[in-house]
Amino acid sequence: MIRVLFAMLVALTLVGCTAPQSAKPESTTSTSATASETPSSEPTETEPAEPAEPTAADFVLKVKTTKKQCFGSAGCNVSIKVDVAYVGAGSVDDLPSNVDITFEVKGGEDPYTSTIELEDGKYSPDKTLISTKTSKAKLTAKITDVDSY
């Protein structure tokens, strides 16, 4: 009987006794070893997104007449205020901290060019006096450039 048990033990040893080892999938062992050896390329915390580079399409300008003094056929002096509104994707808080919006106002005797500085989402409207040839002149503003830094 001892010879039979010894023969069985030798036979199992030669076969490799693979039954207990095959209960654990080899892929799990190698995957967890790989995962623990390889650093994750994904950040563990959410990193703030880079501020989007704004374009002219992200803003709308509004020209508001605050005062108008006309002189018959000599035309008018028009006080205007130019306001800017952000209409781009996301929030104005997503923009870089400083954005310069350069624009041109047409409809006056001469074109008027200026820049509104948007700093941390806040700005002061541009105010100026423009001369027009007639009392019916329509003043419009168009963005010519947007710089951020």
N, C-alpha and C. Protein backbone atom coordinates (compact mmCIF):
# COMPACT_ATOMS: atom_id res chain seq x y z
N MET A 1 0.81 -1.18 0.00
CA MET A 1 0.00 0.00 0.00
C MET A 1 0.86 1.26 0.00
N ILE A 2 1.95 1.21 0.68
CA ILE A 2 2.83 2.36 0.71
C ILE A 2 3.38 2.60 -0.69
N ARG A 3 3.67 1.50 -1.42
CA ARG A 3 4.16 1.68 -2.78
C ARG A 3 3.12 2.35 -3.67
N VAL A 4 1.87 2.06 -3.49
CA VAL A 4 0.80 2.65 -4.30
C VAL A 4 0.68 4.15 -4.00
N LEU A 5 0.70 4.50 -2.72
CA LEU A 5 0.63 5.91 -2.35
C LEU A 5 1.86 6.67 -2.87
N PHE A 6 3.03 6.02 -2.75
CA PHE A 6 4.25 6.65 -3.22
C PHE A 6 4.19 6.85 -4.74
N ALA A 7 3.67 5.87 -5.45
CA ALA A 7 3.56 5.95 -6.90
C ALA A 7 2.59 7.06 -7.31
N MET A 8 1.50 7.18 -6.55
CA MET A 8 0.54 8.24 -6.85
C MET A 8 1.15 9.62 -6.59
N LEU A 9 1.90 9.74 -5.51
CA LEU A 9 2.54 11.00 -5.18
C LEU A 9 3.55 11.40 -6.24
N VAL A 10 4.33 10.44 -6.73
CA VAL A 10 5.31 10.68 -7.78
C VAL A 10 4.60 11.06 -9.07
N ALA A 11 3.54 10.37 -9.38
CA ALA A 11 2.80 10.65 -10.62
C ALA A 11 2.22 12.06 -10.59
N LEU A 12 1.64 12.44 -9.46
CA LEU A 12 1.08 13.80 -9.34
C LEU A 12 2.17 14.86 -9.42
N THR A 13 3.31 14.58 -8.86
CA THR A 13 4.42 15.53 -8.90
C THR A 13 4.91 15.70 -10.32
N LEU A 14 5.02 14.59 -11.06
CA LEU A 14 5.48 14.66 -12.44
C LEU A 14 4.47 15.37 -13.34
N VAL A 15 3.21 15.21 -13.08
CA VAL A 15 2.18 15.86 -13.88
C VAL A 15 2.20 17.37 -13.59
N GLY A 16 2.60 17.73 -12.39
CA GLY A 16 2.69 19.14 -12.08
C GLY A 16 1.64 19.62 -11.13
N CYS A 17 0.74 18.76 -10.77
CA CYS A 17 -0.32 19.17 -9.84
C CYS A 17 -0.89 20.52 -10.24
N THR A 18 -1.33 20.65 -11.42
CA THR A 18 -1.76 21.94 -11.95
C THR A 18 -3.17 22.35 -11.53
N ALA A 19 -3.94 21.46 -10.97
CA ALA A 19 -5.32 21.81 -10.64
C ALA A 19 -5.43 22.99 -9.70
N PRO A 20 -4.72 23.08 -8.59
CA PRO A 20 -4.86 24.23 -7.72
C PRO A 20 -4.39 25.52 -8.37
N GLN A 21 -3.37 25.50 -9.22
CA GLN A 21 -2.86 26.71 -9.84
C GLN A 21 -3.80 27.23 -10.93
N SER A 22 -4.47 26.32 -11.63
CA SER A 22 -5.35 26.77 -12.69
C SER A 22 -6.63 27.42 -12.17
N ALA A 23 -6.90 27.34 -10.90
CA ALA A 23 -8.06 27.99 -10.33
C ALA A 23 -7.90 29.51 -10.36
N LYS A 24 -6.64 29.98 -10.37
CA LYS A 24 -6.38 31.42 -10.47
C LYS A 24 -6.08 31.73 -11.93
N PRO A 25 -6.82 32.58 -12.55
CA PRO A 25 -6.51 32.91 -13.94
C PRO A 25 -5.15 33.60 -14.03
N GLU A 26 -4.34 33.13 -14.95
CA GLU A 26 -3.01 33.70 -15.09
C GLU A 26 -3.07 35.16 -15.53
N SER A 27 -4.07 35.51 -16.33
CA SER A 27 -4.16 36.89 -16.80
C SER A 27 -4.37 37.87 -15.65
N THR A 28 -5.10 37.46 -14.61
CA THR A 28 -5.32 38.34 -13.46
C THR A 28 -4.00 38.58 -12.75
N THR A 29 -3.20 37.51 -12.58
CA THR A 29 -1.92 37.65 -11.90
C THR A 29 -1.01 38.58 -12.68
N SER A 30 -0.91 38.39 -14.00
CA SER A 30 -0.01 39.22 -14.78
C SER A 30 -0.54 40.64 -14.92
N THR A 31 -1.86 40.80 -14.98
CA THR A 31 -2.43 42.15 -15.10
C THR A 31 -2.18 42.94 -13.83
N SER A 32 -2.41 42.32 -12.68
CA SER A 32 -2.20 43.08 -11.45
C SER A 32 -0.73 43.36 -11.24
N ALA A 33 0.16 42.47 -11.68
CA ALA A 33 1.59 42.74 -11.56
C ALA A 33 1.97 43.88 -12.48
N THR A 34 1.40 43.89 -13.70
CA THR A 34 1.69 44.95 -14.63
C THR A 34 1.16 46.28 -14.12
N ALA A 35 -0.06 46.28 -13.59
CA ALA A 35 -0.66 47.52 -13.11
C ALA A 35 0.12 48.07 -11.93
N SER A 36 0.65 47.20 -11.07
CA SER A 36 1.38 47.72 -9.92
C SER A 36 2.79 48.16 -10.31
N GLU A 37 3.34 47.60 -11.38
CA GLU A 37 4.68 47.97 -11.81
C GLU A 37 4.67 49.20 -12.71
N THR A 38 3.61 49.40 -13.49
CA THR A 38 3.54 50.51 -14.42
C THR A 38 2.79 51.67 -13.79
N PRO A 39 3.40 52.85 -13.71
CA PRO A 39 2.66 53.99 -13.16
C PRO A 39 1.53 54.39 -14.08
N SER A 40 0.44 54.80 -13.51
CA SER A 40 -0.73 55.19 -14.29
C SER A 40 -0.45 56.51 -14.99
N SER A 41 -0.81 56.60 -16.28
CA SER A 41 -0.63 57.84 -17.02
C SER A 41 -1.76 58.82 -16.77
N GLU A 42 -2.85 58.34 -16.18
CA GLU A 42 -3.97 59.22 -15.88
C GLU A 42 -3.76 59.86 -14.51
N PRO A 43 -4.04 61.16 -14.37
CA PRO A 43 -3.86 61.81 -13.08
C PRO A 43 -4.88 61.30 -12.07
N THR A 44 -4.46 61.23 -10.82
CA THR A 44 -5.38 60.76 -9.79
C THR A 44 -6.34 61.86 -9.39
N GLU A 45 -5.94 63.10 -9.53
CA GLU A 45 -6.84 64.22 -9.24
C GLU A 45 -7.18 64.91 -10.55
N THR A 46 -8.30 65.59 -10.57
CA THR A 46 -8.69 66.32 -11.77
C THR A 46 -7.82 67.56 -11.90
N GLU A 47 -7.09 67.64 -13.01
CA GLU A 47 -6.26 68.81 -13.25
C GLU A 47 -7.12 69.87 -13.92
N PRO A 48 -6.90 71.14 -13.59
CA PRO A 48 -7.69 72.19 -14.24
C PRO A 48 -7.38 72.23 -15.73
N ALA A 49 -8.41 72.42 -16.51
CA ALA A 49 -8.24 72.47 -17.96
C ALA A 49 -7.53 73.76 -18.34
N GLU A 50 -6.75 73.68 -19.41
CA GLU A 50 -6.11 74.87 -19.93
C GLU A 50 -7.20 75.84 -20.38
N PRO A 51 -7.06 77.12 -20.07
CA PRO A 51 -8.06 78.08 -20.55
C PRO A 51 -8.10 78.07 -22.08
N ALA A 52 -9.29 78.11 -22.62
CA ALA A 52 -9.46 78.11 -24.06
C ALA A 52 -8.96 79.43 -24.64
N GLU A 53 -8.35 79.36 -25.80
CA GLU A 53 -7.93 80.57 -26.48
C GLU A 53 -9.17 81.22 -27.11
N PRO A 54 -9.57 82.36 -26.63
CA PRO A 54 -10.79 82.99 -27.16
C PRO A 54 -10.57 83.54 -28.57
N THR A 55 -11.66 83.60 -29.31
CA THR A 55 -11.65 84.17 -30.66
C THR A 55 -12.70 85.26 -30.74
N ALA A 56 -12.72 85.98 -31.84
CA ALA A 56 -13.70 87.05 -32.03
C ALA A 56 -15.13 86.51 -31.97
N ALA A 57 -15.33 85.27 -32.39
CA ALA A 57 -16.68 84.69 -32.39
C ALA A 57 -17.19 84.44 -30.97
N ASP A 58 -16.31 84.47 -29.98
CA ASP A 58 -16.71 84.23 -28.59
C ASP A 58 -17.28 85.48 -27.91
N PHE A 59 -17.25 86.61 -28.59
CA PHE A 59 -17.70 87.86 -27.98
C PHE A 59 -18.68 88.60 -28.90
N VAL A 60 -19.55 89.39 -28.28
CA VAL A 60 -20.47 90.26 -29.00
C VAL A 60 -20.30 91.66 -28.44
N LEU A 61 -20.24 92.64 -29.34
CA LEU A 61 -20.13 94.04 -28.93
C LEU A 61 -21.46 94.74 -29.13
N LYS A 62 -21.77 95.66 -28.23
CA LYS A 62 -22.99 96.44 -28.35
C LYS A 62 -22.62 97.91 -28.22
N VAL A 63 -23.03 98.70 -29.22
CA VAL A 63 -22.79 100.13 -29.21
C VAL A 63 -24.06 100.82 -28.70
N LYS A 64 -23.91 101.57 -27.61
CA LYS A 64 -25.05 102.27 -27.04
C LYS A 64 -24.78 103.77 -27.09
N THR A 65 -25.74 104.52 -27.66
CA THR A 65 -25.62 105.98 -27.68
C THR A 65 -26.05 106.52 -26.32
N THR A 66 -25.15 107.27 -25.70
CA THR A 66 -25.46 107.84 -24.39
C THR A 66 -25.84 109.32 -24.49
N LYS A 67 -25.39 109.98 -25.57
CA LYS A 67 -25.72 111.40 -25.77
C LYS A 67 -25.54 111.72 -27.25
N LYS A 68 -26.41 112.58 -27.77
CA LYS A 68 -26.32 112.95 -29.18
C LYS A 68 -26.65 114.43 -29.32
N GLN A 69 -25.74 115.16 -29.95
CA GLN A 69 -25.96 116.59 -30.19
C GLN A 69 -25.77 116.84 -31.68
N CYS A 70 -26.85 117.26 -32.34
CA CYS A 70 -26.81 117.46 -33.79
C CYS A 70 -26.78 118.94 -34.14
N PHE A 71 -26.20 119.24 -35.31
CA PHE A 71 -26.02 120.62 -35.77
C PHE A 71 -26.56 120.79 -37.19
N GLY A 72 -27.77 120.38 -37.42
CA GLY A 72 -28.40 120.51 -38.74
C GLY A 72 -27.64 119.74 -39.80
N SER A 73 -27.28 120.42 -40.87
CA SER A 73 -26.59 119.75 -41.98
C SER A 73 -25.12 119.48 -41.67
N ALA A 74 -24.61 119.99 -40.55
CA ALA A 74 -23.21 119.77 -40.18
C ALA A 74 -22.99 118.41 -39.53
N GLY A 75 -24.06 117.69 -39.21
CA GLY A 75 -23.91 116.36 -38.60
C GLY A 75 -24.10 116.39 -37.10
N CYS A 76 -23.60 115.38 -36.42
CA CYS A 76 -23.84 115.23 -34.98
C CYS A 76 -22.56 114.81 -34.25
N ASN A 77 -22.52 115.14 -32.98
CA ASN A 77 -21.52 114.57 -32.06
C ASN A 77 -22.27 113.55 -31.21
N VAL A 78 -21.79 112.32 -31.24
CA VAL A 78 -22.48 111.23 -30.57
C VAL A 78 -21.56 110.63 -29.51
N SER A 79 -22.01 110.64 -28.27
CA SER A 79 -21.29 109.95 -27.20
C SER A 79 -21.78 108.50 -27.17
N ILE A 80 -20.83 107.57 -27.22
CA ILE A 80 -21.20 106.16 -27.22
C ILE A 80 -20.48 105.40 -26.11
N LYS A 81 -21.05 104.27 -25.79
CA LYS A 81 -20.44 103.33 -24.86
C LYS A 81 -20.46 101.97 -25.56
N VAL A 82 -19.31 101.29 -25.59
CA VAL A 82 -19.22 99.97 -26.21
C VAL A 82 -19.09 98.93 -25.10
N ASP A 83 -20.08 98.03 -25.03
CA ASP A 83 -20.08 96.93 -24.07
C ASP A 83 -19.73 95.64 -24.78
N VAL A 84 -19.17 94.70 -24.02
CA VAL A 84 -18.81 93.39 -24.57
C VAL A 84 -19.51 92.32 -23.75
N ALA A 85 -19.92 91.26 -24.44
CA ALA A 85 -20.54 90.10 -23.78
C ALA A 85 -19.86 88.84 -24.30
N TYR A 86 -19.59 87.90 -23.38
CA TYR A 86 -18.99 86.62 -23.75
C TYR A 86 -20.11 85.65 -24.12
N VAL A 87 -20.03 85.08 -25.33
CA VAL A 87 -21.04 84.13 -25.81
C VAL A 87 -20.42 82.79 -26.20
N GLY A 88 -19.16 82.59 -25.84
CA GLY A 88 -18.46 81.36 -26.19
C GLY A 88 -18.89 80.19 -25.33
N ALA A 89 -18.27 79.05 -25.59
CA ALA A 89 -18.57 77.84 -24.83
C ALA A 89 -18.06 77.98 -23.40
N GLY A 90 -18.78 77.41 -22.49
CA GLY A 90 -18.37 77.49 -21.09
C GLY A 90 -18.70 78.83 -20.47
N SER A 91 -17.93 79.17 -19.47
CA SER A 91 -18.17 80.40 -18.73
C SER A 91 -17.03 81.38 -18.95
N VAL A 92 -17.27 82.62 -18.66
CA VAL A 92 -16.22 83.63 -18.78
C VAL A 92 -15.08 83.31 -17.81
N ASP A 93 -15.38 82.56 -16.76
CA ASP A 93 -14.35 82.15 -15.80
C ASP A 93 -13.36 81.16 -16.42
N ASP A 94 -13.73 80.52 -17.53
CA ASP A 94 -12.85 79.56 -18.20
C ASP A 94 -11.81 80.25 -19.08
N LEU A 95 -11.95 81.55 -19.28
CA LEU A 95 -11.03 82.29 -20.15
C LEU A 95 -9.71 82.54 -19.44
N PRO A 96 -8.64 82.82 -20.22
CA PRO A 96 -7.40 83.26 -19.59
C PRO A 96 -7.66 84.52 -18.75
N SER A 97 -6.79 84.82 -17.80
CA SER A 97 -7.05 85.93 -16.89
C SER A 97 -7.08 87.29 -17.58
N ASN A 98 -6.34 87.45 -18.68
CA ASN A 98 -6.33 88.72 -19.40
C ASN A 98 -6.64 88.50 -20.87
N VAL A 99 -7.65 89.22 -21.36
CA VAL A 99 -8.04 89.14 -22.77
C VAL A 99 -8.21 90.57 -23.28
N ASP A 100 -7.54 90.89 -24.37
CA ASP A 100 -7.69 92.20 -25.03
C ASP A 100 -8.56 92.02 -26.26
N ILE A 101 -9.64 92.80 -26.34
CA ILE A 101 -10.56 92.73 -27.47
C ILE A 101 -10.46 94.05 -28.22
N THR A 102 -9.83 94.01 -29.39
CA THR A 102 -9.68 95.21 -30.21
C THR A 102 -10.83 95.26 -31.19
N PHE A 103 -11.39 96.46 -31.36
CA PHE A 103 -12.57 96.59 -32.22
C PHE A 103 -12.51 97.91 -32.98
N GLU A 104 -13.38 97.99 -33.99
CA GLU A 104 -13.49 99.20 -34.80
C GLU A 104 -14.97 99.59 -34.87
N VAL A 105 -15.23 100.88 -34.64
CA VAL A 105 -16.59 101.41 -34.77
C VAL A 105 -16.67 102.14 -36.10
N LYS A 106 -17.66 101.75 -36.91
CA LYS A 106 -17.88 102.39 -38.22
C LYS A 106 -19.22 103.10 -38.21
N GLY A 107 -19.38 104.04 -39.12
CA GLY A 107 -20.62 104.79 -39.25
C GLY A 107 -20.42 106.27 -38.92
N GLY A 108 -19.27 106.58 -38.33
CA GLY A 108 -18.93 107.96 -38.04
C GLY A 108 -18.18 108.56 -39.22
N GLU A 109 -17.79 109.84 -39.07
CA GLU A 109 -17.01 110.46 -40.14
C GLU A 109 -15.70 109.73 -40.36
N ASP A 110 -15.10 109.26 -39.28
CA ASP A 110 -13.86 108.49 -39.34
C ASP A 110 -14.05 107.20 -38.53
N PRO A 111 -13.40 106.12 -38.96
CA PRO A 111 -13.48 104.90 -38.15
C PRO A 111 -12.78 105.14 -36.80
N TYR A 112 -13.28 104.49 -35.76
CA TYR A 112 -12.72 104.61 -34.42
C TYR A 112 -12.26 103.22 -33.98
N THR A 113 -11.00 103.10 -33.57
CA THR A 113 -10.45 101.83 -33.12
C THR A 113 -10.04 101.94 -31.66
N SER A 114 -10.35 100.90 -30.88
CA SER A 114 -10.01 100.88 -29.47
C SER A 114 -9.89 99.44 -29.00
N THR A 115 -9.49 99.26 -27.75
CA THR A 115 -9.35 97.95 -27.15
C THR A 115 -10.00 97.93 -25.78
N ILE A 116 -10.81 96.90 -25.54
CA ILE A 116 -11.37 96.66 -24.21
C ILE A 116 -10.53 95.57 -23.56
N GLU A 117 -10.07 95.85 -22.34
CA GLU A 117 -9.26 94.89 -21.61
C GLU A 117 -10.15 94.13 -20.63
N LEU A 118 -10.26 92.84 -20.86
CA LEU A 118 -11.05 91.95 -20.00
C LEU A 118 -10.07 91.32 -19.02
N GLU A 119 -10.23 91.62 -17.74
CA GLU A 119 -9.31 91.12 -16.72
C GLU A 119 -10.09 90.33 -15.69
N ASP A 120 -9.83 89.01 -15.63
CA ASP A 120 -10.55 88.10 -14.73
C ASP A 120 -12.06 88.23 -14.90
N GLY A 121 -12.49 88.38 -16.16
CA GLY A 121 -13.92 88.44 -16.48
C GLY A 121 -14.56 89.80 -16.29
N LYS A 122 -13.79 90.80 -15.88
CA LYS A 122 -14.35 92.15 -15.65
C LYS A 122 -13.70 93.14 -16.61
N TYR A 123 -14.43 94.20 -16.93
CA TYR A 123 -13.92 95.22 -17.84
C TYR A 123 -14.65 96.54 -17.58
N SER A 124 -14.09 97.59 -18.13
CA SER A 124 -14.77 98.88 -18.14
C SER A 124 -15.18 99.14 -19.58
N PRO A 125 -16.43 99.51 -19.80
CA PRO A 125 -16.87 99.76 -21.18
C PRO A 125 -16.08 100.93 -21.78
N ASP A 126 -15.89 100.87 -23.08
CA ASP A 126 -15.19 101.94 -23.79
C ASP A 126 -16.19 103.07 -24.05
N LYS A 127 -15.82 104.28 -23.67
CA LYS A 127 -16.68 105.45 -23.91
C LYS A 127 -15.90 106.44 -24.76
N THR A 128 -16.57 107.02 -25.76
CA THR A 128 -15.92 107.99 -26.63
C THR A 128 -16.95 108.88 -27.30
N LEU A 129 -16.46 109.91 -27.98
CA LEU A 129 -17.29 110.84 -28.74
C LEU A 129 -16.96 110.67 -30.21
N ILE A 130 -17.98 110.44 -31.03
CA ILE A 130 -17.80 110.24 -32.47
C ILE A 130 -18.65 111.26 -33.21
N SER A 131 -18.07 111.83 -34.27
CA SER A 131 -18.82 112.76 -35.14
C SER A 131 -19.41 111.98 -36.30
N THR A 132 -20.67 112.29 -36.62
CA THR A 132 -21.33 111.65 -37.76
C THR A 132 -21.72 112.73 -38.76
N LYS A 133 -21.91 112.33 -40.01
CA LYS A 133 -22.28 113.28 -41.07
C LYS A 133 -23.75 113.62 -41.02
N THR A 134 -24.58 112.69 -40.53
CA THR A 134 -26.02 112.93 -40.46
C THR A 134 -26.55 112.43 -39.12
N SER A 135 -27.76 112.84 -38.82
CA SER A 135 -28.39 112.38 -37.57
C SER A 135 -28.88 110.94 -37.69
N LYS A 136 -28.94 110.41 -38.90
CA LYS A 136 -29.43 109.04 -39.12
C LYS A 136 -28.31 108.01 -39.24
N ALA A 137 -27.09 108.42 -39.00
CA ALA A 137 -25.95 107.49 -39.11
C ALA A 137 -26.09 106.38 -38.07
N LYS A 138 -25.82 105.17 -38.52
CA LYS A 138 -25.88 104.01 -37.61
C LYS A 138 -24.45 103.59 -37.29
N LEU A 139 -24.13 103.56 -35.99
CA LEU A 139 -22.79 103.17 -35.55
C LEU A 139 -22.77 101.68 -35.22
N THR A 140 -21.78 100.97 -35.76
CA THR A 140 -21.64 99.54 -35.50
C THR A 140 -20.20 99.24 -35.09
N ALA A 141 -20.04 98.21 -34.27
CA ALA A 141 -18.70 97.80 -33.82
C ALA A 141 -18.41 96.40 -34.32
N LYS A 142 -17.16 96.19 -34.73
CA LYS A 142 -16.73 94.87 -35.20
C LYS A 142 -15.39 94.55 -34.55
N ILE A 143 -15.28 93.35 -34.01
CA ILE A 143 -14.03 92.91 -33.38
C ILE A 143 -13.00 92.65 -34.47
N THR A 144 -11.81 93.22 -34.30
CA THR A 144 -10.75 93.03 -35.29
C THR A 144 -9.64 92.11 -34.78
N ASP A 145 -9.53 91.95 -33.44
CA ASP A 145 -8.47 91.11 -32.90
C ASP A 145 -8.80 90.73 -31.45
N VAL A 146 -8.38 89.54 -31.06
CA VAL A 146 -8.51 89.09 -29.66
C VAL A 146 -7.18 88.48 -29.25
N ASP A 147 -6.60 89.02 -28.19
CA ASP A 147 -5.33 88.51 -27.64
C ASP A 147 -5.57 88.09 -26.21
N SER A 148 -4.96 86.99 -25.82
CA SER A 148 -5.07 86.57 -24.41
C SER A 148 -3.68 86.28 -23.89
N TYR A 149 -3.53 86.52 -22.60
CA TYR A 149 -2.25 86.27 -21.94
C TYR A 149 -2.46 86.03 -20.46
